[in-house]
């Protein structure tokens, strides 16, 4: 009985956190508003460069002793 109650509580929380209970007027604060202040807090976003990680390729064998 306790396991079923905990499972039900988790399902309700999951639905609430994803915004699935919005039709009942219960929406988490993070879904009801956006965060435009994050865009204004960025420092020189034009300098952001995406680089390919050199360590993701096939590994080469190291020096043999």
PDB file of N, CA and C in Angstrom:
ATOM      1  N   UNK A   1       0.825  -1.186   0.000  1.00  0.00           N
ATOM      2  CA  UNK A   1       0.000   0.000   0.000  1.00  0.00           C
ATOM      3  C   UNK A   1       0.875   1.258   0.000  1.00  0.00           C
ATOM      4  N   UNK A   2       1.943   1.253   0.798  1.00  0.00           N
ATOM      5  CA  UNK A   2       2.825   2.403   0.880  1.00  0.00           C
ATOM      6  C   UNK A   2       3.552   2.625  -0.447  1.00  0.00           C
ATOM      7  N   UNK A   3       3.956   1.535  -1.097  1.00  0.00           N
ATOM      8  CA  UNK A   3       4.651   1.642  -2.374  1.00  0.00           C
ATOM      9  C   UNK A   3       3.730   2.256  -3.427  1.00  0.00           C
ATOM     10  N   UNK A   4       2.482   1.843  -3.451  1.00  0.00           N
ATOM     11  CA  UNK A   4       1.520   2.387  -4.411  1.00  0.00           C
ATOM     12  C   UNK A   4       1.279   3.875  -4.151  1.00  0.00           C
ATOM     13  N   UNK A   5       1.222   4.271  -2.896  1.00  0.00           N
ATOM     14  CA  UNK A   5       1.019   5.674  -2.551  1.00  0.00           C
ATOM     15  C   UNK A   5       2.223   6.522  -2.984  1.00  0.00           C
ATOM     16  N   UNK A   6       3.431   6.003  -2.746  1.00  0.00           N
ATOM     17  CA  UNK A   6       4.625   6.722  -3.170  1.00  0.00           C
ATOM     18  C   UNK A   6       4.726   6.811  -4.690  1.00  0.00           C
ATOM     19  N   UNK A   7       4.354   5.757  -5.377  1.00  0.00           N
ATOM     20  CA  UNK A   7       4.361   5.769  -6.835  1.00  0.00           C
ATOM     21  C   UNK A   7       3.372   6.795  -7.367  1.00  0.00           C
ATOM     22  N   UNK A   8       2.192   6.859  -6.792  1.00  0.00           N
ATOM     23  CA  UNK A   8       1.187   7.838  -7.199  1.00  0.00           C
ATOM     24  C   UNK A   8       1.683   9.263  -6.938  1.00  0.00           C
ATOM     25  N   UNK A   9       2.311   9.480  -5.796  1.00  0.00           N
ATOM     26  CA  UNK A   9       2.831  10.809  -5.476  1.00  0.00           C
ATOM     27  C   UNK A   9       3.925  11.209  -6.469  1.00  0.00           C
ATOM     28  N   UNK A  10       4.784  10.277  -6.845  1.00  0.00           N
ATOM     29  CA  UNK A  10       5.829  10.572  -7.823  1.00  0.00           C
ATOM     30  C   UNK A  10       5.248  10.875  -9.197  1.00  0.00           C
ATOM     31  N   UNK A  11       4.232  10.156  -9.603  1.00  0.00           N
ATOM     32  CA  UNK A  11       3.595  10.417 -10.893  1.00  0.00           C
ATOM     33  C   UNK A  11       2.936  11.794 -10.916  1.00  0.00           C
ATOM     34  N   UNK A  12       2.294  12.162  -9.824  1.00  0.00           N
ATOM     35  CA  UNK A  12       1.666  13.483  -9.741  1.00  0.00           C
ATOM     36  C   UNK A  12       2.732  14.577  -9.782  1.00  0.00           C
ATOM     37  N   UNK A  13       3.822  14.384  -9.056  1.00  0.00           N
ATOM     38  CA  UNK A  13       4.901  15.370  -9.074  1.00  0.00           C
ATOM     39  C   UNK A  13       5.513  15.485 -10.463  1.00  0.00           C
ATOM     40  N   UNK A  14       5.722  14.357 -11.133  1.00  0.00           N
ATOM     41  CA  UNK A  14       6.287  14.370 -12.476  1.00  0.00           C
ATOM     42  C   UNK A  14       5.383  15.144 -13.431  1.00  0.00           C
ATOM     43  N   UNK A  15       4.084  14.888 -13.354  1.00  0.00           N
ATOM     44  CA  UNK A  15       3.135  15.597 -14.218  1.00  0.00           C
ATOM     45  C   UNK A  15       3.141  17.091 -13.910  1.00  0.00           C
ATOM     46  N   UNK A  16       3.213  17.449 -12.636  1.00  0.00           N
ATOM     47  CA  UNK A  16       3.238  18.861 -12.257  1.00  0.00           C
ATOM     48  C   UNK A  16       4.511  19.537 -12.740  1.00  0.00           C
ATOM     49  N   UNK A  17       5.669  18.871 -12.581  1.00  0.00           N
ATOM     50  CA  UNK A  17       6.949  19.454 -12.960  1.00  0.00           C
ATOM     51  C   UNK A  17       7.053  19.655 -14.465  1.00  0.00           C
ATOM     52  N   UNK A  18       6.409  18.810 -15.243  1.00  0.00           N
ATOM     53  CA  UNK A  18       6.434  18.931 -16.703  1.00  0.00           C
ATOM     54  C   UNK A  18       5.365  19.874 -17.229  1.00  0.00           C
ATOM     55  N   UNK A  19       4.527  20.417 -16.357  1.00  0.00           N
ATOM     56  CA  UNK A  19       3.475  21.328 -16.784  1.00  0.00           C
ATOM     57  C   UNK A  19       2.207  20.620 -17.217  1.00  0.00           C
ATOM     58  N   UNK A  20       2.104  19.344 -16.916  1.00  0.00           N
ATOM     59  CA  UNK A  20       0.932  18.576 -17.317  1.00  0.00           C
ATOM     60  C   UNK A  20      -0.325  18.898 -16.533  1.00  0.00           C
ATOM     61  N   UNK A  21      -0.184  19.573 -15.407  1.00  0.00           N
ATOM     62  CA  UNK A  21      -1.349  19.933 -14.598  1.00  0.00           C
ATOM     63  C   UNK A  21      -1.728  21.399 -14.781  1.00  0.00           C
ATOM     64  N   UNK A  22      -1.279  22.009 -15.879  1.00  0.00           N
ATOM     65  CA  UNK A  22      -1.560  23.430 -16.127  1.00  0.00           C
ATOM     66  C   UNK A  22      -3.051  23.685 -16.290  1.00  0.00           C
ATOM     67  N   UNK A  23      -3.778  22.703 -16.770  1.00  0.00           N
ATOM     68  CA  UNK A  23      -5.224  22.903 -16.953  1.00  0.00           C
ATOM     69  C   UNK A  23      -5.951  23.060 -15.614  1.00  0.00           C
ATOM     70  N   UNK A  24      -5.303  22.655 -14.524  1.00  0.00           N
ATOM     71  CA  UNK A  24      -5.883  22.814 -13.196  1.00  0.00           C
ATOM     72  C   UNK A  24      -5.366  24.062 -12.497  1.00  0.00           C
ATOM     73  N   UNK A  25      -4.520  24.823 -13.186  1.00  0.00           N
ATOM     74  CA  UNK A  25      -3.997  26.058 -12.635  1.00  0.00           C
ATOM     75  C   UNK A  25      -2.756  25.882 -11.787  1.00  0.00           C
ATOM     76  N   UNK A  26      -2.123  24.735 -11.874  1.00  0.00           N
ATOM     77  CA  UNK A  26      -0.897  24.504 -11.112  1.00  0.00           C
ATOM     78  C   UNK A  26       0.265  24.353 -12.078  1.00  0.00           C
ATOM     79  N   UNK A  27       1.062  25.409 -12.181  1.00  0.00           N
ATOM     80  CA  UNK A  27       2.206  25.406 -13.078  1.00  0.00           C
ATOM     81  C   UNK A  27       3.439  25.780 -12.265  1.00  0.00           C
ATOM     82  N   UNK A  28       4.534  25.046 -12.399  1.00  0.00           N
ATOM     83  CA  UNK A  28       5.755  25.424 -11.685  1.00  0.00           C
ATOM     84  C   UNK A  28       6.217  26.819 -12.108  1.00  0.00           C
ATOM     85  N   UNK A  29       6.872  27.514 -11.212  1.00  0.00           N
ATOM     86  CA  UNK A  29       7.298  28.888 -11.484  1.00  0.00           C
ATOM     87  C   UNK A  29       8.239  28.966 -12.673  1.00  0.00           C
ATOM     88  N   UNK A  30       9.087  27.963 -12.863  1.00  0.00           N
ATOM     89  CA  UNK A  30      10.049  28.022 -13.954  1.00  0.00           C
ATOM     90  C   UNK A  30       9.387  27.871 -15.317  1.00  0.00           C
ATOM     91  N   UNK A  31       8.192  27.287 -15.386  1.00  0.00           N
ATOM     92  CA  UNK A  31       7.502  27.147 -16.660  1.00  0.00           C
ATOM     93  C   UNK A  31       6.574  28.318 -16.940  1.00  0.00           C
ATOM     94  N   UNK A  32       6.151  29.016 -15.905  1.00  0.00           N
ATOM     95  CA  UNK A  32       5.191  30.091 -16.108  1.00  0.00           C
ATOM     96  C   UNK A  32       5.847  31.388 -16.545  1.00  0.00           C
ATOM     97  N   UNK A  33       7.150  31.515 -16.395  1.00  0.00           N
ATOM     98  CA  UNK A  33       7.836  32.736 -16.799  1.00  0.00           C
ATOM     99  C   UNK A  33       9.162  32.389 -17.461  1.00  0.00           C
ATOM    100  N   UNK A  34       9.586  33.240 -18.355  1.00  0.00           N
ATOM    101  CA  UNK A  34      10.881  33.015 -18.985  1.00  0.00           C
ATOM    102  C   UNK A  34      11.944  33.783 -18.207  1.00  0.00           C
ATOM    103  N   UNK A  35      13.175  33.628 -18.618  1.00  0.00           N
ATOM    104  CA  UNK A  35      14.272  34.269 -17.912  1.00  0.00           C
ATOM    105  C   UNK A  35      15.050  35.178 -18.862  1.00  0.00           C
ATOM    106  N   UNK A  36      14.485  36.317 -19.246  1.00  0.00           N
ATOM    107  CA  UNK A  36      15.193  37.202 -20.170  1.00  0.00           C
ATOM    108  C   UNK A  36      16.432  37.841 -19.548  1.00  0.00           C
ATOM    109  N   UNK A  37      16.516  37.865 -18.217  1.00  0.00           N
ATOM    110  CA  UNK A  37      17.694  38.467 -17.584  1.00  0.00           C
ATOM    111  C   UNK A  37      18.958  37.665 -17.856  1.00  0.00           C
ATOM    112  N   UNK A  38      18.822  36.394 -18.178  1.00  0.00           N
ATOM    113  CA  UNK A  38      20.011  35.599 -18.506  1.00  0.00           C
ATOM    114  C   UNK A  38      20.668  36.102 -19.789  1.00  0.00           C
ATOM    115  N   UNK A  39      19.871  36.551 -20.736  1.00  0.00           N
ATOM    116  CA  UNK A  39      20.433  37.075 -21.972  1.00  0.00           C
ATOM    117  C   UNK A  39      21.201  38.362 -21.728  1.00  0.00           C
ATOM    118  N   UNK A  40      20.714  39.182 -20.811  1.00  0.00           N
ATOM    119  CA  UNK A  40      21.394  40.446 -20.533  1.00  0.00           C
ATOM    120  C   UNK A  40      22.652  40.245 -19.691  1.00  0.00           C
ATOM    121  N   UNK A  41      22.782  39.108 -19.018  1.00  0.00           N
ATOM    122  CA  UNK A  41      23.938  38.839 -18.172  1.00  0.00           C
ATOM    123  C   UNK A  41      25.106  38.221 -18.939  1.00  0.00           C
ATOM    124  N   UNK A  42      24.889  37.885 -20.197  1.00  0.00           N
ATOM    125  CA  UNK A  42      25.958  37.266 -20.967  1.00  0.00           C
ATOM    126  C   UNK A  42      27.068  38.273 -21.235  1.00  0.00           C
ATOM    127  N   UNK A  43      28.284  37.813 -21.168  1.00  0.00           N
ATOM    128  CA  UNK A  43      29.442  38.657 -21.393  1.00  0.00           C
ATOM    129  C   UNK A  43      30.060  38.284 -22.735  1.00  0.00           C
ATOM    130  N   UNK A  44      29.976  39.142 -23.691  1.00  0.00           N
ATOM    131  CA  UNK A  44      30.511  38.978 -25.046  1.00  0.00           C
ATOM    132  C   UNK A  44      30.186  37.602 -25.657  1.00  0.00           C
ATOM    133  N   UNK A  45      28.915  37.282 -25.883  1.00  0.00           N
ATOM    134  CA  UNK A  45      28.565  35.972 -26.443  1.00  0.00           C
ATOM    135  C   UNK A  45      29.070  35.776 -27.869  1.00  0.00           C
ATOM    136  N   UNK A  46      29.408  36.867 -28.561  1.00  0.00           N
ATOM    137  CA  UNK A  46      29.908  36.744 -29.931  1.00  0.00           C
ATOM    138  C   UNK A  46      31.286  36.088 -29.987  1.00  0.00           C
ATOM    139  N   UNK A  47      31.988  36.036 -28.848  1.00  0.00           N
ATOM    140  CA  UNK A  47      33.308  35.421 -28.806  1.00  0.00           C
ATOM    141  C   UNK A  47      33.261  33.909 -28.596  1.00  0.00           C
ATOM    142  N   UNK A  48      32.081  33.374 -28.397  1.00  0.00           N
ATOM    143  CA  UNK A  48      31.937  31.940 -28.176  1.00  0.00           C
ATOM    144  C   UNK A  48      32.294  31.180 -29.450  1.00  0.00           C
ATOM    145  N   UNK A  49      33.173  30.213 -29.310  1.00  0.00           N
ATOM    146  CA  UNK A  49      33.588  29.388 -30.438  1.00  0.00           C
ATOM    147  C   UNK A  49      33.421  27.924 -30.060  1.00  0.00           C
ATOM    148  N   UNK A  50      32.838  27.162 -30.944  1.00  0.00           N
ATOM    149  CA  UNK A  50      32.675  25.731 -30.717  1.00  0.00           C
ATOM    150  C   UNK A  50      33.829  25.031 -31.421  1.00  0.00           C
ATOM    151  N   UNK A  51      34.596  24.291 -30.652  1.00  0.00           N
ATOM    152  CA  UNK A  51      35.766  23.613 -31.197  1.00  0.00           C
ATOM    153  C   UNK A  51      35.597  22.108 -31.088  1.00  0.00           C
ATOM    154  N   UNK A  52      36.165  21.428 -32.031  1.00  0.00           N
ATOM    155  CA  UNK A  52      36.128  19.979 -32.011  1.00  0.00           C
ATOM    156  C   UNK A  52      37.123  19.483 -30.967  1.00  0.00           C
ATOM    157  N   UNK A  53      36.667  18.588 -30.127  1.00  0.00           N
ATOM    158  CA  UNK A  53      37.526  18.037 -29.082  1.00  0.00           C
ATOM    159  C   UNK A  53      38.491  17.038 -29.708  1.00  0.00           C
ATOM    160  N   UNK A  54      39.773  17.262 -29.506  1.00  0.00           N
ATOM    161  CA  UNK A  54      40.778  16.393 -30.109  1.00  0.00           C
ATOM    162  C   UNK A  54      40.838  15.028 -29.442  1.00  0.00           C
ATOM    163  N   UNK A  55      40.340  14.902 -28.229  1.00  0.00           N
ATOM    164  CA  UNK A  55      40.416  13.646 -27.511  1.00  0.00           C
ATOM    165  C   UNK A  55      39.284  12.685 -27.826  1.00  0.00           C
ATOM    166  N   UNK A  56      38.350  13.050 -28.691  1.00  0.00           N
ATOM    167  CA  UNK A  56      37.216  12.176 -28.955  1.00  0.00           C
ATOM    168  C   UNK A  56      37.455  11.210 -30.107  1.00  0.00           C
ATOM    169  N   UNK A  57      38.501  11.420 -30.881  1.00  0.00           N
ATOM    170  CA  UNK A  57      38.797  10.547 -32.013  1.00  0.00           C
ATOM    171  C   UNK A  57      39.314   9.202 -31.547  1.00  0.00           C
ATOM    172  N   UNK A  58      39.685   8.365 -32.491  1.00  0.00           N
ATOM    173  CA  UNK A  58      40.242   7.063 -32.096  1.00  0.00           C
ATOM    174  C   UNK A  58      41.537   7.275 -31.333  1.00  0.00           C
ATOM    175  N   UNK A  59      41.663   6.520 -30.282  1.00  0.00           N
ATOM    176  CA  UNK A  59      42.837   6.701 -29.424  1.00  0.00           C
ATOM    177  C   UNK A  59      44.067   6.077 -30.085  1.00  0.00           C
ATOM    178  N   UNK A  60      45.138   6.833 -30.018  1.00  0.00           N
ATOM    179  CA  UNK A  60      46.388   6.311 -30.579  1.00  0.00           C
ATOM    180  C   UNK A  60      47.173   5.624 -29.460  1.00  0.00           C
ATOM    181  N   UNK A  61      47.877   4.590 -29.791  1.00  0.00           N
ATOM    182  CA  UNK A  61      48.630   3.912 -28.724  1.00  0.00           C
ATOM    183  C   UNK A  61      49.756   4.806 -28.234  1.00  0.00           C
ATOM    184  N   UNK A  62      49.982   4.757 -26.958  1.00  0.00           N
ATOM    185  CA  UNK A  62      51.015   5.578 -26.332  1.00  0.00           C
ATOM    186  C   UNK A  62      52.396   5.005 -26.619  1.00  0.00           C
ATOM    187  N   UNK A  63      53.419   5.712 -26.145  1.00  0.00           N
ATOM    188  CA  UNK A  63      54.792   5.202 -26.371  1.00  0.00           C
ATOM    189  C   UNK A  63      55.004   3.900 -25.627  1.00  0.00           C
ATOM    190  N   UNK A  64      55.675   3.001 -26.293  1.00  0.00           N
ATOM    191  CA  UNK A  64      55.945   1.703 -25.671  1.00  0.00           C
ATOM    192  C   UNK A  64      57.250   1.789 -24.902  1.00  0.00           C
ATOM    193  N   UNK A  65      57.281   1.201 -23.704  1.00  0.00           N
ATOM    194  CA  UNK A  65      58.506   1.265 -22.894  1.00  0.00           C
ATOM    195  C   UNK A  65      59.601   0.380 -23.434  1.00  0.00           C
TER     196      UNK A  65
END
